Amino acid sequence: MNVKRTFGTILTILGIIGLIYTGVSIIQHDGNFTTLTVVGIIAILFFFTGISLIRNTKDEAA
């Protein structure tokens, strides 16, 4: 497993955690709207960046 694919996995997991946090906070009416918006946007960016890193990285045997 190479570094790009590992970093993509980490970004994807962080994005999922951020999206879950944002969703739970919206349902429970916790936090400020601006804070939840920023966390949600950053989580979406992390998620889709991680997915694209995983998909576009080729597996090459060394």
C-alpha atoms as a PDB file:
ATOM      1  CA  MET A   1       0.000   0.000   0.000  1.00  0.00           C
ATOM      2  CA  ASN A   2       1.535   3.294  -1.006  1.00  0.00           C
ATOM      3  CA  VAL A   3       1.455   6.693   0.680  1.00  0.00           C
ATOM      4  CA  LYS A   4      -1.182   8.287  -1.580  1.00  0.00           C
ATOM      5  CA  ARG A   5      -3.643   5.469  -1.025  1.00  0.00           C
ATOM      6  CA  THR A   6      -3.035   5.551   2.750  1.00  0.00           C
ATOM      7  CA  PHE A   7      -3.507   9.321   2.846  1.00  0.00           C
ATOM      8  CA  GLY A   8      -6.685   8.940   0.791  1.00  0.00           C
ATOM      9  CA  THR A   9      -8.019   6.412   3.296  1.00  0.00           C
ATOM     10  CA  ILE A  10      -7.257   8.756   6.199  1.00  0.00           C
ATOM     11  CA  LEU A  11      -8.969  11.680   4.442  1.00  0.00           C
ATOM     12  CA  THR A  12     -12.011   9.545   3.667  1.00  0.00           C
ATOM     13  CA  ILE A  13     -12.346   8.412   7.280  1.00  0.00           C
ATOM     14  CA  LEU A  14     -11.969  11.999   8.545  1.00  0.00           C
ATOM     15  CA  GLY A  15     -14.626  13.108   6.068  1.00  0.00           C
ATOM     16  CA  ILE A  16     -17.042  10.423   7.242  1.00  0.00           C
ATOM     17  CA  ILE A  17     -16.457  11.387  10.886  1.00  0.00           C
ATOM     18  CA  GLY A  18     -17.033  15.053  10.063  1.00  0.00           C
ATOM     19  CA  LEU A  19     -20.231  14.311   8.164  1.00  0.00           C
ATOM     20  CA  ILE A  20     -21.560  12.171  11.017  1.00  0.00           C
ATOM     21  CA  TYR A  21     -20.693  14.909  13.540  1.00  0.00           C
ATOM     22  CA  THR A  22     -22.443  17.538  11.430  1.00  0.00           C
ATOM     23  CA  GLY A  23     -25.525  15.381  10.964  1.00  0.00           C
ATOM     24  CA  VAL A  24     -25.833  14.544  14.648  1.00  0.00           C
ATOM     25  CA  SER A  25     -25.326  18.191  15.633  1.00  0.00           C
ATOM     26  CA  ILE A  26     -28.018  19.336  13.216  1.00  0.00           C
ATOM     27  CA  ILE A  27     -30.489  16.754  14.518  1.00  0.00           C
ATOM     28  CA  GLN A  28     -29.781  17.624  18.167  1.00  0.00           C
ATOM     29  CA  HIS A  29     -29.767  21.397  17.443  1.00  0.00           C
ATOM     30  CA  ASP A  30     -26.282  21.745  18.955  1.00  0.00           C
ATOM     31  CA  GLY A  31     -23.755  24.304  17.828  1.00  0.00           C
ATOM     32  CA  ASN A  32     -23.871  27.415  15.755  1.00  0.00           C
ATOM     33  CA  PHE A  33     -25.137  27.322  12.168  1.00  0.00           C
ATOM     34  CA  THR A  34     -21.905  28.839  10.823  1.00  0.00           C
ATOM     35  CA  THR A  35     -19.735  26.320  12.647  1.00  0.00           C
ATOM     36  CA  LEU A  36     -21.792  23.383  11.405  1.00  0.00           C
ATOM     37  CA  THR A  37     -21.679  24.741   7.856  1.00  0.00           C
ATOM     38  CA  VAL A  38     -17.898  25.076   7.906  1.00  0.00           C
ATOM     39  CA  VAL A  39     -17.401  21.619   9.441  1.00  0.00           C
ATOM     40  CA  GLY A  40     -19.802  20.103   6.895  1.00  0.00           C
ATOM     41  CA  ILE A  41     -18.055  21.709   3.919  1.00  0.00           C
ATOM     42  CA  ILE A  42     -14.603  20.658   5.136  1.00  0.00           C
ATOM     43  CA  ALA A  43     -15.888  17.113   5.751  1.00  0.00           C
ATOM     44  CA  ILE A  44     -17.304  16.932   2.221  1.00  0.00           C
ATOM     45  CA  LEU A  45     -13.988  18.152   0.783  1.00  0.00           C
ATOM     46  CA  PHE A  46     -12.022  15.583   2.815  1.00  0.00           C
ATOM     47  CA  PHE A  47     -14.389  12.788   1.826  1.00  0.00           C
ATOM     48  CA  PHE A  48     -14.355  13.419  -1.917  1.00  0.00           C
ATOM     49  CA  THR A  49     -10.616  14.171  -1.998  1.00  0.00           C
ATOM     50  CA  GLY A  50      -9.906  10.904  -0.193  1.00  0.00           C
ATOM     51  CA  ILE A  51     -12.152   8.925  -2.520  1.00  0.00           C
ATOM     52  CA  SER A  52     -10.502  10.424  -5.610  1.00  0.00           C
ATOM     53  CA  LEU A  53      -7.016   9.680  -4.231  1.00  0.00           C
ATOM     54  CA  ILE A  54      -7.980   6.068  -3.621  1.00  0.00           C
ATOM     55  CA  ARG A  55      -9.572   5.646  -7.057  1.00  0.00           C
ATOM     56  CA  ASN A  56      -6.877   7.393  -9.106  1.00  0.00           C
ATOM     57  CA  THR A  57      -3.819   5.832  -7.468  1.00  0.00           C
ATOM     58  CA  LYS A  58      -2.506   2.850  -9.384  1.00  0.00           C
ATOM     59  CA  ASP A  59      -1.264  -0.243  -7.586  1.00  0.00           C
ATOM     60  CA  GLU A  60       2.270  -0.898  -8.737  1.00  0.00           C
ATOM     61  CA  ALA A  61       4.437  -3.705  -7.448  1.00  0.00           C
ATOM     62  CA  ALA A  62       7.870  -2.493  -6.435  1.00  0.00           C
END
